Amino acid sequence: MKRIGLIVPSSNTTMETEIPALLQRHPG
């Protein structure tokens, strides 16, 4: 579950990777 990255603040690298990934899936 990639959502864990967003829940865990200690994994800033994961968040930075997940945020752009979500934007690519949901443009706009």
PDB file of N, CA and C in Angstrom:
ATOM      1  N   MET A   1       0.851  -1.205   0.000  1.00  0.00           N
ATOM      2  CA  MET A   1       0.000   0.000   0.000  1.00  0.00           C
ATOM      3  C   MET A   1       0.878   1.243   0.000  1.00  0.00           C
ATOM      4  N   LYS A   2       0.875   1.955  -1.107  1.00  0.00           N
ATOM      5  CA  LYS A   2       1.712   3.153  -1.217  1.00  0.00           C
ATOM      6  C   LYS A   2       1.194   4.276  -0.322  1.00  0.00           C
ATOM      7  N   ARG A   3      -0.069   4.194   0.086  1.00  0.00           N
ATOM      8  CA  ARG A   3      -0.658   5.252   0.919  1.00  0.00           C
ATOM      9  C   ARG A   3       0.093   5.370   2.239  1.00  0.00           C
ATOM     10  N   ILE A   4       0.748   4.283   2.663  1.00  0.00           N
ATOM     11  CA  ILE A   4       1.495   4.299   3.925  1.00  0.00           C
ATOM     12  C   ILE A   4       2.528   5.419   3.901  1.00  0.00           C
ATOM     13  N   GLY A   5       3.116   5.661   2.729  1.00  0.00           N
ATOM     14  CA  GLY A   5       4.140   6.711   2.612  1.00  0.00           C
ATOM     15  C   GLY A   5       3.580   8.059   3.028  1.00  0.00           C
ATOM     16  N   LEU A   6       2.318   8.309   2.671  1.00  0.00           N
ATOM     17  CA  LEU A   6       1.701   9.595   3.014  1.00  0.00           C
ATOM     18  C   LEU A   6       1.418   9.662   4.511  1.00  0.00           C
ATOM     19  N   ILE A   7       1.092   8.504   5.114  1.00  0.00           N
ATOM     20  CA  ILE A   7       0.766   8.470   6.544  1.00  0.00           C
ATOM     21  C   ILE A   7       2.035   8.613   7.380  1.00  0.00           C
ATOM     22  N   VAL A   8       3.144   8.070   6.884  1.00  0.00           N
ATOM     23  CA  VAL A   8       4.403   8.122   7.634  1.00  0.00           C
ATOM     24  C   VAL A   8       5.208   9.354   7.225  1.00  0.00           C
ATOM     25  N   PRO A   9       5.248  10.382   8.091  1.00  0.00           N
ATOM     26  CA  PRO A   9       5.974  11.616   7.797  1.00  0.00           C
ATOM     27  C   PRO A   9       7.485  11.386   7.768  1.00  0.00           C
ATOM     28  N   SER A  10       7.949  10.320   8.432  1.00  0.00           N
ATOM     29  CA  SER A  10       9.383  10.040   8.491  1.00  0.00           C
ATOM     30  C   SER A  10       9.909   9.687   7.104  1.00  0.00           C
ATOM     31  N   SER A  11       9.004   9.247   6.220  1.00  0.00           N
ATOM     32  CA  SER A  11       9.424   8.876   4.864  1.00  0.00           C
ATOM     33  C   SER A  11       9.130  10.025   3.903  1.00  0.00           C
ATOM     34  N   ASN A  12       9.864  11.124   4.062  1.00  0.00           N
ATOM     35  CA  ASN A  12       9.648  12.284   3.194  1.00  0.00           C
ATOM     36  C   ASN A  12       9.928  11.919   1.741  1.00  0.00           C
ATOM     37  N   THR A  13      10.925  11.062   1.536  1.00  0.00           N
ATOM     38  CA  THR A  13      11.283  10.665   0.175  1.00  0.00           C
ATOM     39  C   THR A  13      10.100   9.967  -0.489  1.00  0.00           C
ATOM     40  N   THR A  14       9.394   9.149   0.285  1.00  0.00           N
ATOM     41  CA  THR A  14       8.252   8.417  -0.275  1.00  0.00           C
ATOM     42  C   THR A  14       7.160   9.387  -0.676  1.00  0.00           C
ATOM     43  N   MET A  15       6.880  10.375   0.191  1.00  0.00           N
ATOM     44  CA  MET A  15       5.831  11.354  -0.100  1.00  0.00           C
ATOM     45  C   MET A  15       6.156  12.098  -1.385  1.00  0.00           C
ATOM     46  N   GLU A  16       7.395  12.538  -1.516  1.00  0.00           N
ATOM     47  CA  GLU A  16       7.794  13.290  -2.715  1.00  0.00           C
ATOM     48  C   GLU A  16       7.634  12.430  -3.964  1.00  0.00           C
ATOM     49  N   THR A  17       7.770  11.124  -3.790  1.00  0.00           N
ATOM     50  CA  THR A  17       7.635  10.222  -4.942  1.00  0.00           C
ATOM     51  C   THR A  17       6.173   9.901  -5.211  1.00  0.00           C
ATOM     52  N   GLU A  18       5.375   9.850  -4.142  1.00  0.00           N
ATOM     53  CA  GLU A  18       3.955   9.514  -4.293  1.00  0.00           C
ATOM     54  C   GLU A  18       3.157  10.690  -4.826  1.00  0.00           C
ATOM     55  N   ILE A  19       3.449  11.892  -4.346  1.00  0.00           N
ATOM     56  CA  ILE A  19       2.702  13.090  -4.763  1.00  0.00           C
ATOM     57  C   ILE A  19       2.732  13.264  -6.283  1.00  0.00           C
ATOM     58  N   PRO A  20       3.898  13.283  -6.917  1.00  0.00           N
ATOM     59  CA  PRO A  20       3.970  13.438  -8.379  1.00  0.00           C
ATOM     60  C   PRO A  20       3.312  12.255  -9.087  1.00  0.00           C
ATOM     61  N   ALA A  21       3.394  11.081  -8.501  1.00  0.00           N
ATOM     62  CA  ALA A  21       2.790   9.891  -9.105  1.00  0.00           C
ATOM     63  C   ALA A  21       1.277  10.052  -9.157  1.00  0.00           C
ATOM     64  N   LEU A  22       0.705  10.597  -8.071  1.00  0.00           N
ATOM     65  CA  LEU A  22      -0.749  10.807  -8.035  1.00  0.00           C
ATOM     66  C   LEU A  22      -1.142  11.875  -9.045  1.00  0.00           C
ATOM     67  N   LEU A  23      -0.314  12.907  -9.172  1.00  0.00           N
ATOM     68  CA  LEU A  23      -0.614  13.990 -10.115  1.00  0.00           C
ATOM     69  C   LEU A  23      -0.624  13.445 -11.541  1.00  0.00           C
ATOM     70  N   GLN A  24       0.291  12.520 -11.824  1.00  0.00           N
ATOM     71  CA  GLN A  24       0.363  11.954 -13.170  1.00  0.00           C
ATOM     72  C   GLN A  24      -0.877  11.099 -13.440  1.00  0.00           C
ATOM     73  N   ARG A  25      -1.371  10.426 -12.412  1.00  0.00           N
ATOM     74  CA  ARG A  25      -2.557   9.580 -12.583  1.00  0.00           C
ATOM     75  C   ARG A  25      -3.805  10.440 -12.701  1.00  0.00           C
ATOM     76  N   HIS A  26      -3.817  11.570 -11.970  1.00  0.00           N
ATOM     77  CA  HIS A  26      -4.985  12.461 -11.987  1.00  0.00           C
ATOM     78  C   HIS A  26      -4.571  13.861 -12.411  1.00  0.00           C
ATOM     79  N   PRO A  27      -4.271  14.066 -13.686  1.00  0.00           N
ATOM     80  CA  PRO A  27      -3.865  15.391 -14.182  1.00  0.00           C
ATOM     81  C   PRO A  27      -4.984  16.415 -14.025  1.00  0.00           C
ATOM     82  N   GLY A  28      -4.599  17.648 -13.795  1.00  0.00           N
ATOM     83  CA  GLY A  28      -5.638  18.661 -13.614  1.00  0.00           C
ATOM     84  C   GLY A  28      -5.809  18.970 -12.159  1.00  0.00           C
TER      85      GLY A  28
END
